[in-house]
Amino acid sequence: MKVLFTCADKPSISRNLFHRNFLKERFEYSEVVSNGKSYASRIPSILTRLPLHFFGKDFYFVSYMGHFLVPTIRIFTSKPIVFDFYLSLYDVMCNDRKLYSPDSRLGKFTYWLEKRSLQKADYIIVDTDRLISTLSDEYDVDRDKFVRVPLTINEDNVKKISVDRYKEQFTVLYVGSYIPLHGVEVIVEAAKLLQDRGEDVHFLMIGKGPDHQKCVELVEGYALNNVEFKGFMSLEELNYYYNATDINLGLFSIGERANSIILNKTNDSFRVGKPHLTLETDAMKEAFEDDRDIFFVKDNSPKTLADRILEIRDDPKLIKEVGDNALISYDEKLSNAKAKEILNSQIFDKIERLD
């Protein structure tokens, strides 16, 4: 069978790279992608070249940030379209980052575009049942279109290795892009509470993003000496810190998006066999169990997070058990091999039977 792959984000990011490589293994493969530096350059480049590649394909795979691409492809073909939805563009722009309001022209257009892309796709890949319920209800999309597939990561560069500890003291790791979804201010405020109590806990924060400067200013204003910042780094470098620290932090914000998703860094943490500490949400409770393969906090207050960090630090046996179980859970539920198994049985085998 012949498949055409396209995506609006960079084709080299882990999610897109996984799909590209897997499709090449199984089908006669071609692609229309762009290595442009921004969506503003990539999307027009892709849209102008797509029509030259539409014909003679058995199905189409639209990967990350393909909201513009699915409706365009549907104009030209009735063949199956697989859409790796991953996240809601409307929710990110209107509710998370608040770049424009839902009632604005841009808000209404984004909602319309997202609804149209979901309705025009034949198979929609998401990673949680909660997200399936949300999207189905919000956009009136048949639930049978959705296929729950675990997030995929770069398993070659993120893995369990033996390394020296980053610091002798208990070290908590945040990795991310400082988007509002992560609730990074809660982490800094928790660090302040722990320093005020005289607790010897170190916070290592890796990455950059919208709320980074705000966090730096908070740390400076509070004169915190238990928080350390590092910028973006390669996965190979990052893998050292995943393995060399004690626990890895997830998200600490509330809202429908936070309640519906699992983060890439959650998978990274499970992959290296380190405990992950995050807000308890519907999506997280679907897949994981508190104090077995993950650590939860019940609310997103700094005090709750600070108290939970101390509780975890003071139970080394539980830390090891949860880390070991996280690695087992990764292999059983989150691995790239598991994703391939689901894609084959729930999507690709069905498309082949239609041929």
Protein backbone atom coordinates (compact mmCIF):
# COMPACT_ATOMS: atom_id res chain seq x y z
CA MET A 1 0.00 0.00 0.00
CA LYS A 2 1.05 3.57 -0.67
CA VAL A 3 0.94 6.19 2.07
CA LEU A 4 1.60 9.93 2.00
CA PHE A 5 2.90 11.46 5.22
CA THR A 6 2.74 15.15 6.07
CA CYS A 7 2.99 17.33 9.18
CA ALA A 8 3.08 21.04 9.98
CA ASP A 9 5.67 20.81 12.73
CA LYS A 10 9.32 19.98 12.14
CA PRO A 11 9.62 16.47 10.70
CA SER A 12 12.59 15.75 12.99
CA ILE A 13 10.78 16.04 16.34
CA SER A 14 10.42 12.71 18.14
CA ARG A 15 6.70 12.24 17.48
CA ASN A 16 6.93 12.90 13.75
CA LEU A 17 10.14 10.93 13.40
CA PHE A 18 8.53 7.88 15.02
CA HIS A 19 5.61 7.91 12.61
CA ARG A 20 7.81 8.50 9.56
CA ASN A 21 10.11 5.61 10.40
CA PHE A 22 7.27 3.22 11.22
CA LEU A 23 5.36 4.02 8.04
CA LYS A 24 8.54 3.44 6.01
CA GLU A 25 8.87 0.00 7.60
CA ARG A 26 5.40 -1.10 6.61
CA PHE A 27 4.25 0.77 3.48
CA GLU A 28 5.41 2.26 0.19
CA TYR A 29 6.19 5.65 1.62
CA SER A 30 6.33 9.25 0.40
CA GLU A 31 6.15 12.53 2.29
CA VAL A 32 5.57 16.25 2.01
CA VAL A 33 7.30 18.03 4.89
CA SER A 34 9.15 21.25 5.55
CA ASN A 35 12.20 22.08 7.65
CA GLY A 36 11.24 25.74 7.88
CA LYS A 37 11.89 27.51 11.17
CA SER A 38 8.26 28.46 11.87
CA TYR A 39 4.70 27.36 11.18
CA ALA A 40 4.31 30.51 9.08
CA SER A 41 6.97 29.22 6.69
CA ARG A 42 6.24 25.48 6.90
CA ILE A 43 2.48 25.47 6.34
CA PRO A 44 2.45 27.48 3.05
CA SER A 45 5.39 25.42 1.75
CA ILE A 46 3.50 22.18 2.46
CA LEU A 47 0.14 23.38 1.13
CA THR A 48 1.63 24.46 -2.20
CA ARG A 49 3.33 21.09 -2.74
CA LEU A 50 0.66 18.74 -1.41
CA PRO A 51 -1.53 18.66 -4.57
CA LEU A 52 1.40 17.31 -6.58
CA HIS A 53 1.51 14.21 -4.37
CA PHE A 54 -2.15 13.44 -3.68
CA PHE A 55 -2.88 10.94 -6.39
CA GLY A 56 -2.13 7.22 -6.41
CA LYS A 57 -2.05 6.95 -2.62
CA ASP A 58 -4.04 4.42 -0.59
CA PHE A 59 -4.20 6.54 2.55
CA TYR A 60 -2.79 9.68 4.13
CA PHE A 61 -1.10 10.15 7.49
CA VAL A 62 -1.26 13.68 8.90
CA SER A 63 0.98 14.10 11.92
CA TYR A 64 1.57 16.73 14.58
CA MET A 65 -0.17 20.11 14.09
CA GLY A 66 -1.93 19.01 10.91
CA HIS A 67 -5.13 20.94 11.61
CA PHE A 68 -4.79 22.92 8.36
CA LEU A 69 -3.75 19.89 6.36
CA VAL A 70 -6.56 17.40 7.02
CA PRO A 71 -9.36 19.56 5.47
CA THR A 72 -7.13 20.37 2.50
CA ILE A 73 -6.39 16.72 1.77
CA ARG A 74 -10.08 15.82 2.12
CA ILE A 75 -10.94 18.18 -0.74
CA PHE A 76 -8.92 16.01 -3.11
CA THR A 77 -9.60 12.46 -1.91
CA SER A 78 -12.07 10.12 -0.24
CA LYS A 79 -9.28 7.75 0.83
CA PRO A 80 -8.65 7.23 4.57
CA ILE A 81 -6.95 10.03 6.50
CA VAL A 82 -5.17 9.21 9.77
CA PHE A 83 -4.74 12.31 11.96
CA ASP A 84 -2.26 12.30 14.84
CA PHE A 85 -4.14 14.98 16.77
CA TYR A 86 -2.01 15.02 19.95
CA LEU A 87 -3.31 18.33 21.35
CA SER A 88 -6.04 20.90 20.92
CA LEU A 89 -4.80 24.00 19.12
CA TYR A 90 -7.94 25.84 20.25
CA ASP A 91 -7.35 24.97 23.90
CA VAL A 92 -3.68 25.94 23.74
CA MET A 93 -4.33 29.33 22.15
CA CYS A 94 -7.51 30.33 23.99
CA ASN A 95 -7.36 28.64 27.39
CA ASP A 96 -3.73 27.78 28.12
CA ARG A 97 -1.64 30.56 26.62
CA LYS A 98 -4.59 32.98 26.34
CA LEU A 99 -3.27 34.52 23.13
CA TYR A 100 -6.83 35.37 22.12
CA SER A 101 -10.29 34.83 23.57
CA PRO A 102 -12.69 32.07 22.49
CA ASP A 103 -15.18 34.71 21.36
CA SER A 104 -12.69 36.58 19.18
CA ARG A 105 -12.52 36.09 15.42
CA LEU A 106 -9.31 34.11 15.80
CA GLY A 107 -10.85 32.05 18.58
CA LYS A 108 -13.92 31.20 16.50
CA PHE A 109 -11.75 30.40 13.47
CA THR A 110 -9.48 28.11 15.49
CA TYR A 111 -12.51 26.29 16.90
CA TRP A 112 -13.99 25.90 13.39
CA LEU A 113 -10.70 24.67 11.96
CA GLU A 114 -10.19 22.15 14.74
CA LYS A 115 -13.73 20.83 14.44
CA ARG A 116 -13.41 20.51 10.68
CA SER A 117 -10.07 18.67 10.89
CA LEU A 118 -11.52 16.16 13.37
CA GLN A 119 -14.69 15.60 11.38
CA LYS A 120 -12.83 15.12 8.09
CA ALA A 121 -10.35 12.55 9.45
CA ASP A 122 -11.18 8.84 9.47
CA TYR A 123 -8.87 7.84 12.35
CA ILE A 124 -7.83 10.25 15.10
CA ILE A 125 -4.86 9.39 17.32
CA VAL A 126 -4.91 10.69 20.91
CA ASP A 127 -3.32 9.36 24.07
CA THR A 128 -6.03 9.37 26.78
CA ASP A 129 -9.67 8.35 27.16
CA ARG A 130 -10.35 11.66 28.86
CA LEU A 131 -9.24 13.55 25.75
CA ILE A 132 -11.43 11.32 23.59
CA SER A 133 -14.46 12.22 25.73
CA THR A 134 -13.62 15.92 25.67
CA LEU A 135 -13.10 16.15 21.91
CA SER A 136 -16.06 13.97 21.06
CA ASP A 137 -18.42 16.06 23.18
CA GLU A 138 -16.99 19.46 22.28
CA TYR A 139 -16.85 18.92 18.51
CA ASP A 140 -19.61 16.33 17.99
CA VAL A 141 -17.18 13.74 16.61
CA ASP A 142 -17.96 10.01 16.53
CA ARG A 143 -16.02 8.32 19.34
CA ASP A 144 -15.34 5.33 17.09
CA LYS A 145 -12.94 7.49 15.08
CA PHE A 146 -10.58 7.87 18.02
CA VAL A 147 -7.73 5.48 18.72
CA ARG A 148 -5.85 5.75 21.99
CA VAL A 149 -2.12 5.40 21.32
CA PRO A 150 0.60 6.13 23.90
CA LEU A 151 2.92 9.06 23.33
CA THR A 152 6.09 8.09 21.52
CA ILE A 153 9.54 9.32 22.48
CA ASN A 154 13.10 8.99 21.23
CA GLU A 155 13.99 5.73 22.93
CA ASP A 156 17.52 5.74 21.50
CA ASN A 157 18.46 8.83 23.48
CA VAL A 158 16.19 8.57 26.53
CA LYS A 159 16.90 5.41 28.52
CA LYS A 160 18.06 4.08 31.86
CA ILE A 161 21.83 4.37 32.32
CA SER A 162 24.21 4.19 35.27
CA VAL A 163 25.53 7.65 36.19
CA ASP A 164 26.86 9.48 39.21
CA ARG A 165 24.35 11.54 41.18
CA TYR A 166 24.07 15.15 40.06
CA LYS A 167 24.23 16.29 43.69
CA GLU A 168 24.51 14.54 47.02
CA GLN A 169 21.39 16.29 48.26
CA PHE A 170 17.90 15.23 47.15
CA THR A 171 17.35 16.76 43.71
CA VAL A 172 14.02 17.45 42.03
CA LEU A 173 14.07 17.91 38.23
CA TYR A 174 11.81 20.06 36.09
CA VAL A 175 12.21 19.73 32.32
CA GLY A 176 10.04 21.73 29.96
CA SER A 177 9.14 24.78 27.96
CA TYR A 178 7.74 26.85 30.85
CA ILE A 179 4.26 27.00 29.37
CA PRO A 180 1.36 27.90 31.69
CA LEU A 181 0.17 24.28 31.54
CA HIS A 182 3.19 23.18 33.60
CA GLY A 183 2.46 25.51 36.52
CA VAL A 184 6.13 26.32 37.04
CA GLU A 185 5.39 29.14 39.49
CA VAL A 186 3.95 26.50 41.85
CA ILE A 187 7.32 24.73 41.72
CA VAL A 188 9.25 27.90 42.59
CA GLU A 189 6.87 28.73 45.43
CA ALA A 190 7.31 25.18 46.78
CA ALA A 191 11.08 25.64 46.61
CA LYS A 192 10.71 28.83 48.68
CA LEU A 193 8.67 27.02 51.34
CA LEU A 194 11.29 24.29 51.60
CA GLN A 195 14.15 26.79 51.88
CA ASP A 196 12.23 28.73 54.53
CA ARG A 197 11.89 25.48 56.50
CA GLY A 198 15.59 24.79 56.20
CA GLU A 199 15.06 21.63 54.16
CA ASP A 200 18.00 20.50 52.01
CA VAL A 201 16.24 19.93 48.67
CA HIS A 202 17.67 21.12 45.34
CA PHE A 203 15.51 22.10 42.34
CA LEU A 204 17.07 21.77 38.88
CA MET A 205 15.01 23.46 36.16
CA ILE A 206 15.94 22.77 32.53
CA GLY A 207 14.46 24.55 29.50
CA LYS A 208 13.13 27.93 28.40
CA GLY A 209 9.73 29.33 27.54
CA PRO A 210 7.02 31.92 28.27
CA ASP A 211 7.12 31.73 32.09
CA HIS A 212 10.89 31.28 32.40
CA GLN A 213 11.74 34.92 33.11
CA LYS A 214 8.93 35.17 35.65
CA CYS A 215 10.41 32.19 37.49
CA VAL A 216 13.92 33.66 37.38
CA GLU A 217 12.61 36.91 38.86
CA LEU A 218 10.78 35.01 41.61
CA VAL A 219 13.93 33.09 42.50
CA GLU A 220 15.97 36.29 42.61
CA GLY A 221 13.29 38.16 44.56
CA TYR A 222 13.08 35.40 47.15
CA ALA A 223 16.89 35.03 47.22
CA LEU A 224 16.56 31.28 46.73
CA ASN A 225 19.76 29.26 46.69
CA ASN A 226 18.02 25.90 46.16
CA VAL A 227 16.91 26.54 42.56
CA GLU A 228 19.23 26.15 39.57
CA PHE A 229 18.38 27.02 35.95
CA LYS A 230 19.77 25.44 32.80
CA GLY A 231 18.71 26.15 29.22
CA PHE A 232 17.65 23.81 26.44
CA MET A 233 19.93 20.88 25.70
CA SER A 234 20.07 17.83 23.48
CA LEU A 235 18.28 14.64 24.49
CA GLU A 236 21.64 12.94 25.00
CA GLU A 237 22.61 15.61 27.55
CA LEU A 238 19.16 15.64 29.10
CA ASN A 239 19.22 11.88 29.58
CA TYR A 240 22.07 12.29 32.06
CA TYR A 241 19.97 14.61 34.24
CA TYR A 242 16.94 12.31 34.06
CA ASN A 243 19.10 9.52 35.44
CA ALA A 244 21.18 11.58 37.88
CA THR A 245 18.34 13.25 39.81
CA ASP A 246 15.83 11.75 42.23
CA ILE A 247 12.37 12.63 40.95
CA ASN A 248 10.99 14.35 37.86
CA LEU A 249 8.15 16.90 38.01
CA GLY A 250 5.12 16.98 35.71
CA LEU A 251 2.37 19.62 35.60
CA PHE A 252 0.76 21.66 38.37
CA SER A 253 -1.98 23.68 36.68
CA ILE A 254 -5.70 23.06 36.51
CA GLY A 255 -8.05 23.15 33.53
CA GLU A 256 -9.44 20.83 30.88
CA ARG A 257 -6.19 20.50 28.95
CA ALA A 258 -4.23 19.64 32.10
CA ASN A 259 -6.93 17.14 33.01
CA SER A 260 -6.85 15.41 29.62
CA ILE A 261 -3.24 14.81 28.67
CA ILE A 262 -0.07 12.93 29.55
CA LEU A 263 3.17 14.82 29.04
CA ASN A 264 6.15 13.67 26.99
CA LYS A 265 8.34 14.13 30.04
CA THR A 266 6.12 11.70 31.91
CA ASN A 267 7.09 9.05 29.37
CA ASP A 268 10.72 10.13 29.58
CA SER A 269 10.70 9.72 33.36
CA PHE A 270 9.07 6.28 33.17
CA ARG A 271 11.51 5.24 30.44
CA VAL A 272 14.52 5.89 32.70
CA GLY A 273 12.87 4.30 35.72
CA LYS A 274 12.64 7.46 37.83
CA PRO A 275 9.61 8.47 39.90
CA HIS A 276 7.38 11.12 38.34
CA LEU A 277 5.57 13.60 40.60
CA THR A 278 2.59 15.43 39.14
CA LEU A 279 -0.91 16.70 39.79
CA GLU A 280 -3.52 13.96 39.99
CA THR A 281 -5.76 14.29 36.91
CA ASP A 282 -8.30 12.11 35.14
CA ALA A 283 -5.81 11.33 32.37
CA MET A 284 -3.08 10.36 34.81
CA LYS A 285 -5.40 8.18 36.89
CA GLU A 286 -6.37 6.26 33.74
CA ALA A 287 -2.88 4.90 33.33
CA PHE A 288 -1.05 5.15 36.66
CA GLU A 289 -1.50 4.44 40.37
CA ASP A 290 -0.27 6.70 43.16
CA ASP A 291 2.61 5.29 45.20
CA ARG A 292 2.88 2.32 42.84
CA ASP A 293 4.31 3.64 39.55
CA ILE A 294 3.85 7.40 40.03
CA PHE A 295 3.53 10.05 42.75
CA PHE A 296 0.50 12.37 42.79
CA VAL A 297 -0.36 15.60 44.55
CA LYS A 298 -4.07 16.15 45.14
CA ASP A 299 -4.06 19.88 44.40
CA ASN A 300 -1.74 22.44 42.88
CA SER A 301 -0.86 24.46 45.96
CA PRO A 302 2.86 25.06 46.67
CA LYS A 303 2.45 23.73 50.22
CA THR A 304 0.96 20.45 48.99
CA LEU A 305 3.84 20.03 46.55
CA ALA A 306 6.48 20.91 49.17
CA ASP A 307 4.98 18.50 51.70
CA ARG A 308 4.81 15.71 49.12
CA ILE A 309 8.44 16.19 48.09
CA LEU A 310 9.54 15.78 51.70
CA GLU A 311 7.34 12.72 52.16
CA ILE A 312 8.93 11.12 49.09
CA ARG A 313 12.47 12.12 50.03
CA ASP A 314 12.11 10.51 53.45
CA ASP A 315 11.07 7.12 52.01
CA PRO A 316 14.01 5.83 49.88
CA LYS A 317 12.50 2.35 49.70
CA LEU A 318 9.30 3.70 48.15
CA ILE A 319 11.30 5.84 45.72
CA LYS A 320 13.06 2.74 44.40
CA GLU A 321 9.84 0.72 44.21
CA VAL A 322 7.98 3.42 42.32
CA GLY A 323 10.91 3.94 39.93
CA ASP A 324 11.18 0.21 39.24
CA ASN A 325 7.42 -0.04 38.66
CA ALA A 326 7.50 3.00 36.39
CA LEU A 327 9.96 1.23 34.12
CA ILE A 328 7.74 -1.85 34.06
CA SER A 329 4.71 0.30 33.24
CA TYR A 330 6.63 1.93 30.43
CA ASP A 331 7.42 -1.39 28.82
CA GLU A 332 3.86 -2.65 29.23
CA LYS A 333 1.83 0.45 28.38
CA LEU A 334 3.89 3.38 27.09
CA SER A 335 6.65 2.05 24.86
CA ASN A 336 7.08 2.71 21.15
CA ALA A 337 6.61 -1.03 20.60
CA LYS A 338 3.20 -0.80 22.28
CA ALA A 339 2.30 2.18 20.09
CA LYS A 340 3.22 0.20 16.97
CA GLU A 341 1.11 -2.73 18.13
CA ILE A 342 -1.96 -0.50 18.57
CA LEU A 343 -1.43 1.37 15.31
CA ASN A 344 -1.20 -1.92 13.44
CA SER A 345 -4.25 -3.56 14.97
CA GLN A 346 -6.53 -0.55 15.30
CA ILE A 347 -5.69 1.41 12.15
CA PHE A 348 -3.31 -0.03 9.57
CA ASP A 349 -4.71 -3.58 9.46
CA LYS A 350 -8.20 -2.11 9.02
CA ILE A 351 -7.09 0.15 6.18
CA GLU A 352 -5.44 -2.78 4.43
CA ARG A 353 -8.66 -4.78 4.64
CA LEU A 354 -10.47 -1.93 2.88
CA ASP A 355 -8.11 -2.11 -0.10
